[in-house]
Structure formats: structure tokens, C-alpha cells
């Protein structure tokens, strides 16, 4: 099981990747649908994706929690630290 500092470090690359992917998708959408040139599309994508990160980051957190859900269950015969003391 990860400590809180290790969990934050594990969470950071996934969050940065999700944010970069969101910016790229929004930039492509703005470029295609509103006929903005490249610079305007990337600028608007940055502005739009910051509030959207409030939706993306909890989703990434839920995904990481789902992936590590079985790590808190010890294997059969494994000693649990602090048990029986």
C-alpha cells in the first residue's frame, strides 16, 4: 500500500497526462468547429481546460483508487504488521 506522499507522486504523472490530453482535445475541437487558427485554439483550450480539470482529476483519482483496491488485502499466510499486539 502506498503512503500518502507516494500516492501523490504516483498521481501526478497521470494527472498531468490527463490534463495535457484534455488541452489537446479541446484545441482540436476549437480549431475544427470554430475555425480558429492554431494559436487561438491552443490559448482557448488552455482557458477551457482549467475548469474542466475539476472534472478530470477526480476521475483520474477514482481510476487510481480502483487499480489499487486489491493492494490492501494481504496474501494468505502473510503477517499483518501490528496484529495481535
PDB file of N, CA and C in Angstrom:
ATOM      1  N   UNK A   1       0.844  -1.170   0.000  1.00  0.00           N
ATOM      2  CA  UNK A   1       0.000   0.000   0.000  1.00  0.00           C
ATOM      3  C   UNK A   1       0.892   1.237   0.000  1.00  0.00           C
ATOM      4  N   UNK A   2       0.500   2.228  -0.747  1.00  0.00           N
ATOM      5  CA  UNK A   2       1.303   3.437  -0.863  1.00  0.00           C
ATOM      6  C   UNK A   2       1.072   4.370   0.314  1.00  0.00           C
ATOM      7  N   UNK A   3       2.134   5.027   0.734  1.00  0.00           N
ATOM      8  CA  UNK A   3       1.972   6.086   1.720  1.00  0.00           C
ATOM      9  C   UNK A   3       1.362   7.289   1.023  1.00  0.00           C
ATOM     10  N   UNK A   4       0.954   8.282   1.784  1.00  0.00           N
ATOM     11  CA  UNK A   4       0.298   9.438   1.171  1.00  0.00           C
ATOM     12  C   UNK A   4       1.244  10.204   0.245  1.00  0.00           C
ATOM     13  N   UNK A   5       2.513  10.313   0.616  1.00  0.00           N
ATOM     14  CA  UNK A   5       3.454  11.020  -0.261  1.00  0.00           C
ATOM     15  C   UNK A   5       3.730  10.215  -1.530  1.00  0.00           C
ATOM     16  N   UNK A   6       3.812   8.901  -1.421  1.00  0.00           N
ATOM     17  CA  UNK A   6       3.996   8.067  -2.607  1.00  0.00           C
ATOM     18  C   UNK A   6       2.762   8.113  -3.502  1.00  0.00           C
ATOM     19  N   UNK A   7       1.590   8.157  -2.900  1.00  0.00           N
ATOM     20  CA  UNK A   7       0.357   8.225  -3.684  1.00  0.00           C
ATOM     21  C   UNK A   7       0.285   9.536  -4.460  1.00  0.00           C
ATOM     22  N   UNK A   8       0.699  10.623  -3.825  1.00  0.00           N
ATOM     23  CA  UNK A   8       0.701  11.913  -4.535  1.00  0.00           C
ATOM     24  C   UNK A   8       1.672  11.882  -5.704  1.00  0.00           C
ATOM     25  N   UNK A   9       2.839  11.281  -5.515  1.00  0.00           N
ATOM     26  CA  UNK A   9       3.815  11.184  -6.595  1.00  0.00           C
ATOM     27  C   UNK A   9       3.330  10.251  -7.702  1.00  0.00           C
ATOM     28  N   UNK A  10       2.593   9.220  -7.357  1.00  0.00           N
ATOM     29  CA  UNK A  10       2.042   8.319  -8.369  1.00  0.00           C
ATOM     30  C   UNK A  10       0.888   8.979  -9.115  1.00  0.00           C
ATOM     31  N   UNK A  11       0.176   9.846  -8.440  1.00  0.00           N
ATOM     32  CA  UNK A  11      -0.987  10.526  -9.010  1.00  0.00           C
ATOM     33  C   UNK A  11      -0.572  11.623  -9.986  1.00  0.00           C
ATOM     34  N   UNK A  12       0.558  12.258  -9.749  1.00  0.00           N
ATOM     35  CA  UNK A  12       0.983  13.411 -10.540  1.00  0.00           C
ATOM     36  C   UNK A  12       1.173  13.110 -12.022  1.00  0.00           C
ATOM     37  N   UNK A  13       1.895  12.069 -12.430  1.00  0.00           N
ATOM     38  CA  UNK A  13       2.037  11.823 -13.874  1.00  0.00           C
ATOM     39  C   UNK A  13       0.709  11.538 -14.570  1.00  0.00           C
ATOM     40  N   UNK A  14      -0.168  10.808 -13.904  1.00  0.00           N
ATOM     41  CA  UNK A  14      -1.470  10.520 -14.504  1.00  0.00           C
ATOM     42  C   UNK A  14      -2.297  11.793 -14.644  1.00  0.00           C
ATOM     43  N   UNK A  15      -2.240  12.659 -13.655  1.00  0.00           N
ATOM     44  CA  UNK A  15      -2.984  13.912 -13.722  1.00  0.00           C
ATOM     45  C   UNK A  15      -2.422  14.834 -14.800  1.00  0.00           C
ATOM     46  N   UNK A  16      -1.109  14.908 -14.915  1.00  0.00           N
ATOM     47  CA  UNK A  16      -0.503  15.742 -15.954  1.00  0.00           C
ATOM     48  C   UNK A  16      -0.830  15.215 -17.346  1.00  0.00           C
ATOM     49  N   UNK A  17      -0.795  13.902 -17.517  1.00  0.00           N
ATOM     50  CA  UNK A  17      -1.146  13.311 -18.805  1.00  0.00           C
ATOM     51  C   UNK A  17      -2.605  13.587 -19.152  1.00  0.00           C
ATOM     52  N   UNK A  18      -3.494  13.444 -18.176  1.00  0.00           N
ATOM     53  CA  UNK A  18      -4.913  13.699 -18.424  1.00  0.00           C
ATOM     54  C   UNK A  18      -5.154  15.161 -18.777  1.00  0.00           C
ATOM     55  N   UNK A  19      -4.480  16.074 -18.103  1.00  0.00           N
ATOM     56  CA  UNK A  19      -4.640  17.499 -18.393  1.00  0.00           C
ATOM     57  C   UNK A  19      -4.107  17.834 -19.782  1.00  0.00           C
ATOM     58  N   UNK A  20      -2.951  17.290 -20.151  1.00  0.00           N
ATOM     59  CA  UNK A  20      -2.394  17.549 -21.480  1.00  0.00           C
ATOM     60  C   UNK A  20      -3.293  16.977 -22.568  1.00  0.00           C
ATOM     61  N   UNK A  21      -3.835  15.803 -22.332  1.00  0.00           N
ATOM     62  CA  UNK A  21      -4.750  15.204 -23.299  1.00  0.00           C
ATOM     63  C   UNK A  21      -6.014  16.041 -23.437  1.00  0.00           C
ATOM     64  N   UNK A  22      -6.507  16.552 -22.332  1.00  0.00           N
ATOM     65  CA  UNK A  22      -7.693  17.402 -22.369  1.00  0.00           C
ATOM     66  C   UNK A  22      -7.434  18.682 -23.150  1.00  0.00           C
ATOM     67  N   UNK A  23      -6.289  19.306 -22.945  1.00  0.00           N
ATOM     68  CA  UNK A  23      -5.946  20.525 -23.689  1.00  0.00           C
ATOM     69  C   UNK A  23      -5.872  20.226 -25.181  1.00  0.00           C
ATOM     70  N   UNK A  24      -5.263  19.113 -25.553  1.00  0.00           N
ATOM     71  CA  UNK A  24      -5.137  18.768 -26.970  1.00  0.00           C
ATOM     72  C   UNK A  24      -6.497  18.502 -27.607  1.00  0.00           C
ATOM     73  N   UNK A  25      -7.372  17.824 -26.902  1.00  0.00           N
ATOM     74  CA  UNK A  25      -8.705  17.538 -27.448  1.00  0.00           C
ATOM     75  C   UNK A  25      -9.510  18.820 -27.598  1.00  0.00           C
ATOM     76  N   UNK A  26      -9.455  19.689 -26.609  1.00  0.00           N
ATOM     77  CA  UNK A  26     -10.186  20.958 -26.694  1.00  0.00           C
ATOM     78  C   UNK A  26      -9.622  21.834 -27.803  1.00  0.00           C
ATOM     79  N   UNK A  27      -8.309  21.857 -27.973  1.00  0.00           N
ATOM     80  CA  UNK A  27      -7.704  22.649 -29.050  1.00  0.00           C
ATOM     81  C   UNK A  27      -8.144  22.132 -30.411  1.00  0.00           C
ATOM     82  N   UNK A  28      -8.165  20.833 -30.588  1.00  0.00           N
ATOM     83  CA  UNK A  28      -8.618  20.266 -31.862  1.00  0.00           C
ATOM     84  C   UNK A  28     -10.086  20.587 -32.109  1.00  0.00           C
ATOM     85  N   UNK A  29     -10.898  20.505 -31.069  1.00  0.00           N
ATOM     86  CA  UNK A  29     -12.317  20.833 -31.201  1.00  0.00           C
ATOM     87  C   UNK A  29     -12.506  22.295 -31.599  1.00  0.00           C
ATOM     88  N   UNK A  30     -11.825  23.195 -30.914  1.00  0.00           N
ATOM     89  CA  UNK A  30     -11.966  24.619 -31.227  1.00  0.00           C
ATOM     90  C   UNK A  30     -11.453  24.935 -32.624  1.00  0.00           C
ATOM     91  N   UNK A  31     -10.374  24.304 -33.025  1.00  0.00           N
ATOM     92  CA  UNK A  31      -9.802  24.551 -34.349  1.00  0.00           C
ATOM     93  C   UNK A  31     -10.757  24.086 -35.447  1.00  0.00           C
ATOM     94  N   UNK A  32     -11.396  22.955 -35.258  1.00  0.00           N
ATOM     95  CA  UNK A  32     -12.266  22.403 -36.290  1.00  0.00           C
ATOM     96  C   UNK A  32     -13.643  23.068 -36.318  1.00  0.00           C
ATOM     97  N   UNK A  33     -14.238  23.270 -35.178  1.00  0.00           N
ATOM     98  CA  UNK A  33     -15.620  23.724 -35.141  1.00  0.00           C
ATOM     99  C   UNK A  33     -15.770  25.237 -35.229  1.00  0.00           C
ATOM    100  N   UNK A  34     -14.815  25.973 -34.732  1.00  0.00           N
ATOM    101  CA  UNK A  34     -14.956  27.426 -34.723  1.00  0.00           C
ATOM    102  C   UNK A  34     -13.966  28.118 -35.639  1.00  0.00           C
ATOM    103  N   UNK A  35     -13.245  27.368 -36.439  1.00  0.00           N
ATOM    104  CA  UNK A  35     -12.310  27.893 -37.442  1.00  0.00           C
ATOM    105  C   UNK A  35     -11.312  28.883 -36.835  1.00  0.00           C
ATOM    106  N   UNK A  36     -10.820  28.567 -35.659  1.00  0.00           N
ATOM    107  CA  UNK A  36      -9.783  29.389 -35.042  1.00  0.00           C
ATOM    108  C   UNK A  36      -8.432  28.944 -35.580  1.00  0.00           C
ATOM    109  N   UNK A  37      -7.500  29.881 -35.674  1.00  0.00           N
ATOM    110  CA  UNK A  37      -6.161  29.462 -36.092  1.00  0.00           C
ATOM    111  C   UNK A  37      -5.479  28.729 -34.926  1.00  0.00           C
ATOM    112  N   UNK A  38      -4.319  28.180 -35.170  1.00  0.00           N
ATOM    113  CA  UNK A  38      -3.653  27.326 -34.189  1.00  0.00           C
ATOM    114  C   UNK A  38      -3.382  27.995 -32.861  1.00  0.00           C
ATOM    115  N   UNK A  39      -2.873  29.231 -32.888  1.00  0.00           N
ATOM    116  CA  UNK A  39      -2.530  29.914 -31.633  1.00  0.00           C
ATOM    117  C   UNK A  39      -3.771  30.218 -30.808  1.00  0.00           C
ATOM    118  N   UNK A  40      -4.823  30.696 -31.462  1.00  0.00           N
ATOM    119  CA  UNK A  40      -6.055  30.997 -30.739  1.00  0.00           C
ATOM    120  C   UNK A  40      -6.680  29.728 -30.166  1.00  0.00           C
ATOM    121  N   UNK A  41      -6.634  28.660 -30.936  1.00  0.00           N
ATOM    122  CA  UNK A  41      -7.219  27.401 -30.465  1.00  0.00           C
ATOM    123  C   UNK A  41      -6.491  26.887 -29.226  1.00  0.00           C
ATOM    124  N   UNK A  42      -5.148  26.950 -29.230  1.00  0.00           N
ATOM    125  CA  UNK A  42      -4.393  26.480 -28.068  1.00  0.00           C
ATOM    126  C   UNK A  42      -4.610  27.384 -26.861  1.00  0.00           C
ATOM    127  N   UNK A  43      -4.712  28.694 -27.078  1.00  0.00           N
ATOM    128  CA  UNK A  43      -4.963  29.618 -25.970  1.00  0.00           C
ATOM    129  C   UNK A  43      -6.331  29.355 -25.349  1.00  0.00           C
ATOM    130  N   UNK A  44      -7.348  29.234 -26.187  1.00  0.00           N
ATOM    131  CA  UNK A  44      -8.687  28.970 -25.669  1.00  0.00           C
ATOM    132  C   UNK A  44      -8.769  27.585 -25.019  1.00  0.00           C
ATOM    133  N   UNK A  45      -8.021  26.636 -25.554  1.00  0.00           N
ATOM    134  CA  UNK A  45      -8.014  25.297 -24.959  1.00  0.00           C
ATOM    135  C   UNK A  45      -7.442  25.341 -23.549  1.00  0.00           C
ATOM    136  N   UNK A  46      -6.404  26.129 -23.350  1.00  0.00           N
ATOM    137  CA  UNK A  46      -5.845  26.276 -22.012  1.00  0.00           C
ATOM    138  C   UNK A  46      -6.829  26.893 -21.046  1.00  0.00           C
ATOM    139  N   UNK A  47      -7.578  27.887 -21.525  1.00  0.00           N
ATOM    140  CA  UNK A  47      -8.566  28.561 -20.676  1.00  0.00           C
ATOM    141  C   UNK A  47      -9.729  27.628 -20.352  1.00  0.00           C
ATOM    142  N   UNK A  48     -10.186  26.877 -21.329  1.00  0.00           N
ATOM    143  CA  UNK A  48     -11.334  25.996 -21.128  1.00  0.00           C
ATOM    144  C   UNK A  48     -10.960  24.766 -20.296  1.00  0.00           C
ATOM    145  N   UNK A  49      -9.748  24.284 -20.456  1.00  0.00           N
ATOM    146  CA  UNK A  49      -9.389  23.032 -19.791  1.00  0.00           C
ATOM    147  C   UNK A  49      -9.096  23.190 -18.304  1.00  0.00           C
ATOM    148  N   UNK A  50      -8.806  24.380 -17.854  1.00  0.00           N
ATOM    149  CA  UNK A  50      -8.540  24.557 -16.417  1.00  0.00           C
ATOM    150  C   UNK A  50      -9.791  24.257 -15.585  1.00  0.00           C
ATOM    151  N   UNK A  51     -10.964  24.835 -15.913  1.00  0.00           N
ATOM    152  CA  UNK A  51     -12.157  24.424 -15.157  1.00  0.00           C
ATOM    153  C   UNK A  51     -12.550  22.966 -15.404  1.00  0.00           C
ATOM    154  N   UNK A  52     -12.279  22.479 -16.609  1.00  0.00           N
ATOM    155  CA  UNK A  52     -12.609  21.082 -16.906  1.00  0.00           C
ATOM    156  C   UNK A  52     -11.740  20.125 -16.098  1.00  0.00           C
ATOM    157  N   UNK A  53     -10.605  20.598 -15.627  1.00  0.00           N
ATOM    158  CA  UNK A  53      -9.736  19.749 -14.804  1.00  0.00           C
ATOM    159  C   UNK A  53     -10.427  19.350 -13.510  1.00  0.00           C
ATOM    160  N   UNK A  54     -11.361  20.164 -13.042  1.00  0.00           N
ATOM    161  CA  UNK A  54     -12.110  19.812 -11.838  1.00  0.00           C
ATOM    162  C   UNK A  54     -12.943  18.554 -12.057  1.00  0.00           C
ATOM    163  N   UNK A  55     -13.270  18.265 -13.319  1.00  0.00           N
ATOM    164  CA  UNK A  55     -13.983  17.032 -13.627  1.00  0.00           C
ATOM    165  C   UNK A  55     -13.030  15.880 -13.924  1.00  0.00           C
ATOM    166  N   UNK A  56     -11.886  16.199 -14.527  1.00  0.00           N
ATOM    167  CA  UNK A  56     -10.947  15.155 -14.943  1.00  0.00           C
ATOM    168  C   UNK A  56     -10.160  14.601 -13.757  1.00  0.00           C
ATOM    169  N   UNK A  57      -9.701  15.447 -12.870  1.00  0.00           N
ATOM    170  CA  UNK A  57      -8.844  14.988 -11.774  1.00  0.00           C
ATOM    171  C   UNK A  57      -9.541  14.011 -10.827  1.00  0.00           C
ATOM    172  N   UNK A  58     -10.807  14.233 -10.442  1.00  0.00           N
ATOM    173  CA  UNK A  58     -11.470  13.197  -9.635  1.00  0.00           C
ATOM    174  C   UNK A  58     -11.633  11.872 -10.384  1.00  0.00           C
ATOM    175  N   UNK A  59     -11.813  11.945 -11.696  1.00  0.00           N
ATOM    176  CA  UNK A  59     -11.918  10.710 -12.481  1.00  0.00           C
ATOM    177  C   UNK A  59     -10.593   9.956 -12.472  1.00  0.00           C
ATOM    178  N   UNK A  60      -9.489  10.671 -12.591  1.00  0.00           N
ATOM    179  CA  UNK A  60      -8.170  10.034 -12.528  1.00  0.00           C
ATOM    180  C   UNK A  60      -7.944   9.451 -11.133  1.00  0.00           C
ATOM    181  N   UNK A  61      -8.351  10.180 -10.105  1.00  0.00           N
ATOM    182  CA  UNK A  61      -8.224   9.670  -8.742  1.00  0.00           C
ATOM    183  C   UNK A  61      -9.044   8.410  -8.519  1.00  0.00           C
ATOM    184  N   UNK A  62     -10.253   8.383  -9.064  1.00  0.00           N
ATOM    185  CA  UNK A  62     -11.090   7.187  -8.943  1.00  0.00           C
ATOM    186  C   UNK A  62     -10.477   6.013  -9.694  1.00  0.00           C
ATOM    187  N   UNK A  63      -9.890   6.279 -10.851  1.00  0.00           N
ATOM    188  CA  UNK A  63      -9.233   5.222 -11.617  1.00  0.00           C
ATOM    189  C   UNK A  63      -8.049   4.645 -10.850  1.00  0.00           C
ATOM    190  N   UNK A  64      -7.227   5.506 -10.266  1.00  0.00           N
ATOM    191  CA  UNK A  64      -6.084   5.020  -9.494  1.00  0.00           C
ATOM    192  C   UNK A  64      -6.531   4.267  -8.244  1.00  0.00           C
ATOM    193  N   UNK A  65      -7.616   4.720  -7.612  1.00  0.00           N
ATOM    194  CA  UNK A  65      -8.135   4.003  -6.446  1.00  0.00           C
ATOM    195  C   UNK A  65      -8.667   2.635  -6.848  1.00  0.00           C
ATOM    196  N   UNK A  66      -9.314   2.567  -8.016  1.00  0.00           N
ATOM    197  CA  UNK A  66      -9.834   1.293  -8.494  1.00  0.00           C
ATOM    198  C   UNK A  66      -8.701   0.325  -8.819  1.00  0.00           C
ATOM    199  N   UNK A  67      -7.620   0.842  -9.399  1.00  0.00           N
ATOM    200  CA  UNK A  67      -6.494  -0.014  -9.752  1.00  0.00           C
ATOM    201  C   UNK A  67      -5.763  -0.554  -8.526  1.00  0.00           C
ATOM    202  N   UNK A  68      -5.792   0.185  -7.417  1.00  0.00           N
ATOM    203  CA  UNK A  68      -5.069  -0.249  -6.218  1.00  0.00           C
ATOM    204  C   UNK A  68      -6.001  -0.795  -5.141  1.00  0.00           C
ATOM    205  N   UNK A  69      -7.230  -1.140  -5.491  1.00  0.00           N
ATOM    206  CA  UNK A  69      -8.201  -1.587  -4.490  1.00  0.00           C
ATOM    207  C   UNK A  69      -7.831  -2.923  -3.858  1.00  0.00           C
ATOM    208  N   UNK A  70      -7.134  -3.789  -4.583  1.00  0.00           N
ATOM    209  CA  UNK A  70      -6.790  -5.103  -4.047  1.00  0.00           C
ATOM    210  C   UNK A  70      -5.486  -5.105  -3.272  1.00  0.00           C
ATOM    211  N   UNK A  71      -4.787  -4.011  -3.238  1.00  0.00           N
ATOM    212  CA  UNK A  71      -3.486  -3.967  -2.579  1.00  0.00           C
ATOM    213  C   UNK A  71      -3.591  -3.882  -1.059  1.00  0.00           C
ATOM    214  N   UNK A  72      -4.785  -3.648  -0.529  1.00  0.00           N
ATOM    215  CA  UNK A  72      -4.924  -3.563   0.922  1.00  0.00           C
ATOM    216  C   UNK A  72      -5.244  -4.920   1.543  1.00  0.00           C
ATOM    217  N   UNK A  73      -5.511  -5.920   0.707  1.00  0.00           N
ATOM    218  CA  UNK A  73      -5.831  -7.252   1.206  1.00  0.00           C
ATOM    219  C   UNK A  73      -4.549  -8.079   1.223  1.00  0.00           C
ATOM    220  N   UNK A  74      -4.131  -8.563   2.397  1.00  0.00           N
ATOM    221  CA  UNK A  74      -2.882  -9.338   2.443  1.00  0.00           C
ATOM    222  C   UNK A  74      -3.068 -10.719   1.823  1.00  0.00           C
ATOM    223  N   UNK A  75      -1.970 -11.292   1.362  1.00  0.00           N
ATOM    224  CA  UNK A  75      -1.984 -12.641   0.820  1.00  0.00           C
ATOM    225  C   UNK A  75      -2.185 -13.646   1.949  1.00  0.00           C
ATOM    226  N   UNK A  76      -2.642 -14.841   1.629  1.00  0.00           N
ATOM    227  CA  UNK A  76      -2.866 -15.884   2.621  1.00  0.00           C
ATOM    228  C   UNK A  76      -1.541 -16.263   3.277  1.00  0.00           C
ATOM    229  N   UNK A  77      -1.523 -16.240   4.580  1.00  0.00           N
ATOM    230  CA  UNK A  77      -0.323 -16.587   5.320  1.00  0.00           C
ATOM    231  C   UNK A  77       0.614 -15.415   5.556  1.00  0.00           C
ATOM    232  N   UNK A  78       0.306 -14.273   4.999  1.00  0.00           N
ATOM    233  CA  UNK A  78       1.170 -13.103   5.183  1.00  0.00           C
ATOM    234  C   UNK A  78       0.901 -12.498   6.554  1.00  0.00           C
ATOM    235  N   UNK A  79       1.959 -12.068   7.206  1.00  0.00           N
ATOM    236  CA  UNK A  79       1.814 -11.457   8.520  1.00  0.00           C
ATOM    237  C   UNK A  79       1.377 -10.007   8.364  1.00  0.00           C
ATOM    238  N   UNK A  80       0.443  -9.613   9.195  1.00  0.00           N
ATOM    239  CA  UNK A  80      -0.041  -8.243   9.197  1.00  0.00           C
ATOM    240  C   UNK A  80       0.725  -7.498  10.282  1.00  0.00           C
ATOM    241  N   UNK A  81       1.436  -6.429   9.936  1.00  0.00           N
ATOM    242  CA  UNK A  81       2.210  -5.695  10.940  1.00  0.00           C
ATOM    243  C   UNK A  81       1.299  -5.122  12.026  1.00  0.00           C
ATOM    244  N   UNK A  82       1.685  -5.319  13.255  1.00  0.00           N
ATOM    245  CA  UNK A  82       0.941  -4.750  14.372  1.00  0.00           C
ATOM    246  C   UNK A  82      -0.250  -5.580  14.812  1.00  0.00           C
ATOM    247  N   UNK A  83      -0.535  -6.680  14.142  1.00  0.00           N
ATOM    248  CA  UNK A  83      -1.680  -7.506  14.522  1.00  0.00           C
ATOM    249  C   UNK A  83      -1.315  -8.366  15.731  1.00  0.00           C
ATOM    250  N   UNK A  84      -2.223  -8.476  16.665  1.00  0.00           N
ATOM    251  CA  UNK A  84      -2.009  -9.325  17.832  1.00  0.00           C
ATOM    252  C   UNK A  84      -1.124  -8.706  18.890  1.00  0.00           C
ATOM    253  N   UNK A  85      -0.934  -7.429  18.851  1.00  0.00           N
ATOM    254  CA  UNK A  85      -0.088  -6.784  19.863  1.00  0.00           C
ATOM    255  C   UNK A  85      -0.937  -5.996  20.818  1.00  0.00           C
TER     256      UNK A  85
END
